[in-house]
Protein backbone atom coordinates (compact mmCIF):
# COMPACT_ATOMS: atom_id res chain seq x y z
CA UNK A 1 0.00 0.00 0.00
CA UNK A 2 1.16 3.49 -0.79
CA UNK A 3 -0.11 6.58 1.00
CA UNK A 4 -0.97 9.94 -0.59
CA UNK A 5 2.69 11.07 -0.26
CA UNK A 6 4.04 8.04 -2.11
CA UNK A 7 5.40 6.30 1.00
CA UNK A 8 4.83 2.59 1.60
CA UNK A 9 2.60 1.86 4.60
CA UNK A 10 1.72 -1.35 6.43
CA UNK A 11 -1.65 -0.20 7.82
CA UNK A 12 -4.50 1.99 6.56
CA UNK A 13 -6.88 3.27 9.21
CA UNK A 14 -10.36 4.61 8.36
CA UNK A 15 -10.24 7.83 6.30
CA UNK A 16 -6.55 7.21 5.54
CA UNK A 17 -6.16 7.29 1.73
CA UNK A 18 -3.95 4.58 0.24
CA UNK A 19 -3.33 3.05 -3.15
CA UNK A 20 -3.42 -0.74 -3.21
CA UNK A 21 -1.51 -2.41 -6.01
CA UNK A 22 -2.18 -5.85 -7.45
CA UNK A 23 -5.97 -6.04 -7.31
CA UNK A 24 -7.79 -7.60 -10.25
CA UNK A 25 -10.98 -5.60 -9.63
CA UNK A 26 -12.31 -2.92 -7.31
CA UNK A 27 -13.39 -4.09 -3.86
CA UNK A 28 -16.79 -3.18 -2.44
CA UNK A 29 -17.05 -0.71 0.42
CA UNK A 30 -16.39 -2.50 3.68
CA UNK A 31 -14.56 -5.45 2.12
CA UNK A 32 -11.85 -6.80 4.39
CA UNK A 33 -8.39 -7.62 3.10
CA UNK A 34 -6.55 -10.76 4.07
CA UNK A 35 -2.81 -11.34 3.76
CA UNK A 36 -1.52 -14.65 2.41
CA UNK A 37 2.02 -15.93 2.14
CA UNK A 38 0.97 -18.21 -0.72
CA UNK A 39 -0.50 -16.73 -3.93
CA UNK A 40 -2.30 -20.02 -4.65
CA UNK A 41 -4.33 -19.71 -1.42
CA UNK A 42 -5.16 -16.07 -2.19
CA UNK A 43 -6.37 -16.92 -5.69
CA UNK A 44 -8.49 -19.81 -4.38
CA UNK A 45 -10.23 -17.54 -1.86
CA UNK A 46 -10.76 -14.85 -4.51
CA UNK A 47 -12.34 -17.39 -6.85
CA UNK A 48 -14.60 -18.67 -4.05
CA UNK A 49 -15.73 -15.15 -3.16
CA UNK A 50 -16.49 -14.29 -6.77
CA UNK A 51 -19.08 -17.11 -6.98
CA UNK A 52 -22.71 -16.20 -6.20
CA UNK A 53 -24.04 -17.51 -2.88
CA UNK A 54 -27.34 -18.72 -1.51
CA UNK A 55 -30.60 -17.27 -2.78
CA UNK A 56 -28.79 -14.78 -4.98
CA UNK A 57 -27.50 -17.68 -7.04
CA UNK A 58 -30.94 -19.17 -7.44
CA UNK A 59 -33.28 -18.23 -10.26
CA UNK A 60 -35.97 -16.92 -7.92
CA UNK A 61 -37.55 -13.70 -9.16
CA UNK A 62 -36.68 -10.52 -7.29
CA UNK A 63 -39.47 -8.34 -5.93
CA UNK A 64 -39.00 -4.64 -5.25
CA UNK A 65 -39.55 -3.61 -1.62
CA UNK A 66 -42.68 -1.68 -2.67
CA UNK A 67 -44.20 -4.87 -4.07
CA UNK A 68 -43.46 -6.76 -0.87
CA UNK A 69 -45.03 -3.96 1.18
CA UNK A 70 -48.12 -3.95 -1.04
CA UNK A 71 -48.51 -7.72 -0.65
CA UNK A 72 -48.24 -7.40 3.14
CA UNK A 73 -51.13 -4.89 3.15
CA UNK A 74 -53.57 -7.39 1.58
C-alpha atoms as a PDB file:
ATOM      1  CA  UNK A   1       0.000   0.000   0.000  1.00  0.00           C
ATOM      2  CA  UNK A   2       1.160   3.489  -0.793  1.00  0.00           C
ATOM      3  CA  UNK A   3      -0.112   6.579   0.997  1.00  0.00           C
ATOM      4  CA  UNK A   4      -0.973   9.936  -0.592  1.00  0.00           C
ATOM      5  CA  UNK A   5       2.688  11.070  -0.259  1.00  0.00           C
ATOM      6  CA  UNK A   6       4.044   8.044  -2.112  1.00  0.00           C
ATOM      7  CA  UNK A   7       5.397   6.302   1.002  1.00  0.00           C
ATOM      8  CA  UNK A   8       4.832   2.588   1.597  1.00  0.00           C
ATOM      9  CA  UNK A   9       2.604   1.860   4.595  1.00  0.00           C
ATOM     10  CA  UNK A  10       1.715  -1.351   6.428  1.00  0.00           C
ATOM     11  CA  UNK A  11      -1.649  -0.195   7.820  1.00  0.00           C
ATOM     12  CA  UNK A  12      -4.504   1.992   6.562  1.00  0.00           C
ATOM     13  CA  UNK A  13      -6.883   3.274   9.214  1.00  0.00           C
ATOM     14  CA  UNK A  14     -10.360   4.608   8.361  1.00  0.00           C
ATOM     15  CA  UNK A  15     -10.238   7.829   6.297  1.00  0.00           C
ATOM     16  CA  UNK A  16      -6.545   7.209   5.539  1.00  0.00           C
ATOM     17  CA  UNK A  17      -6.160   7.295   1.733  1.00  0.00           C
ATOM     18  CA  UNK A  18      -3.949   4.578   0.239  1.00  0.00           C
ATOM     19  CA  UNK A  19      -3.331   3.052  -3.150  1.00  0.00           C
ATOM     20  CA  UNK A  20      -3.424  -0.738  -3.208  1.00  0.00           C
ATOM     21  CA  UNK A  21      -1.514  -2.412  -6.014  1.00  0.00           C
ATOM     22  CA  UNK A  22      -2.176  -5.846  -7.454  1.00  0.00           C
ATOM     23  CA  UNK A  23      -5.966  -6.042  -7.314  1.00  0.00           C
ATOM     24  CA  UNK A  24      -7.788  -7.599 -10.254  1.00  0.00           C
ATOM     25  CA  UNK A  25     -10.975  -5.596  -9.632  1.00  0.00           C
ATOM     26  CA  UNK A  26     -12.311  -2.921  -7.310  1.00  0.00           C
ATOM     27  CA  UNK A  27     -13.391  -4.091  -3.856  1.00  0.00           C
ATOM     28  CA  UNK A  28     -16.792  -3.184  -2.438  1.00  0.00           C
ATOM     29  CA  UNK A  29     -17.055  -0.709   0.417  1.00  0.00           C
ATOM     30  CA  UNK A  30     -16.392  -2.496   3.676  1.00  0.00           C
ATOM     31  CA  UNK A  31     -14.565  -5.447   2.124  1.00  0.00           C
ATOM     32  CA  UNK A  32     -11.850  -6.798   4.392  1.00  0.00           C
ATOM     33  CA  UNK A  33      -8.392  -7.624   3.104  1.00  0.00           C
ATOM     34  CA  UNK A  34      -6.546 -10.757   4.067  1.00  0.00           C
ATOM     35  CA  UNK A  35      -2.809 -11.337   3.764  1.00  0.00           C
ATOM     36  CA  UNK A  36      -1.522 -14.648   2.410  1.00  0.00           C
ATOM     37  CA  UNK A  37       2.017 -15.927   2.141  1.00  0.00           C
ATOM     38  CA  UNK A  38       0.971 -18.206  -0.719  1.00  0.00           C
ATOM     39  CA  UNK A  39      -0.495 -16.733  -3.927  1.00  0.00           C
ATOM     40  CA  UNK A  40      -2.300 -20.020  -4.647  1.00  0.00           C
ATOM     41  CA  UNK A  41      -4.330 -19.706  -1.419  1.00  0.00           C
ATOM     42  CA  UNK A  42      -5.161 -16.071  -2.189  1.00  0.00           C
ATOM     43  CA  UNK A  43      -6.372 -16.918  -5.693  1.00  0.00           C
ATOM     44  CA  UNK A  44      -8.488 -19.812  -4.379  1.00  0.00           C
ATOM     45  CA  UNK A  45     -10.229 -17.542  -1.860  1.00  0.00           C
ATOM     46  CA  UNK A  46     -10.757 -14.849  -4.506  1.00  0.00           C
ATOM     47  CA  UNK A  47     -12.341 -17.394  -6.849  1.00  0.00           C
ATOM     48  CA  UNK A  48     -14.596 -18.668  -4.050  1.00  0.00           C
ATOM     49  CA  UNK A  49     -15.731 -15.148  -3.156  1.00  0.00           C
ATOM     50  CA  UNK A  50     -16.494 -14.290  -6.771  1.00  0.00           C
ATOM     51  CA  UNK A  51     -19.076 -17.110  -6.985  1.00  0.00           C
ATOM     52  CA  UNK A  52     -22.713 -16.198  -6.204  1.00  0.00           C
ATOM     53  CA  UNK A  53     -24.038 -17.507  -2.876  1.00  0.00           C
ATOM     54  CA  UNK A  54     -27.339 -18.725  -1.514  1.00  0.00           C
ATOM     55  CA  UNK A  55     -30.602 -17.267  -2.778  1.00  0.00           C
ATOM     56  CA  UNK A  56     -28.791 -14.778  -4.982  1.00  0.00           C
ATOM     57  CA  UNK A  57     -27.500 -17.682  -7.043  1.00  0.00           C
ATOM     58  CA  UNK A  58     -30.940 -19.165  -7.444  1.00  0.00           C
ATOM     59  CA  UNK A  59     -33.275 -18.235 -10.257  1.00  0.00           C
ATOM     60  CA  UNK A  60     -35.971 -16.920  -7.924  1.00  0.00           C
ATOM     61  CA  UNK A  61     -37.546 -13.698  -9.163  1.00  0.00           C
ATOM     62  CA  UNK A  62     -36.680 -10.515  -7.291  1.00  0.00           C
ATOM     63  CA  UNK A  63     -39.471  -8.340  -5.932  1.00  0.00           C
ATOM     64  CA  UNK A  64     -38.997  -4.644  -5.253  1.00  0.00           C
ATOM     65  CA  UNK A  65     -39.549  -3.609  -1.624  1.00  0.00           C
ATOM     66  CA  UNK A  66     -42.676  -1.676  -2.674  1.00  0.00           C
ATOM     67  CA  UNK A  67     -44.198  -4.872  -4.073  1.00  0.00           C
ATOM     68  CA  UNK A  68     -43.455  -6.761  -0.868  1.00  0.00           C
ATOM     69  CA  UNK A  69     -45.033  -3.963   1.176  1.00  0.00           C
ATOM     70  CA  UNK A  70     -48.122  -3.950  -1.037  1.00  0.00           C
ATOM     71  CA  UNK A  71     -48.507  -7.724  -0.648  1.00  0.00           C
ATOM     72  CA  UNK A  72     -48.241  -7.398   3.135  1.00  0.00           C
ATOM     73  CA  UNK A  73     -51.126  -4.892   3.145  1.00  0.00           C
ATOM     74  CA  UNK A  74     -53.574  -7.393   1.581  1.00  0.00           C
END
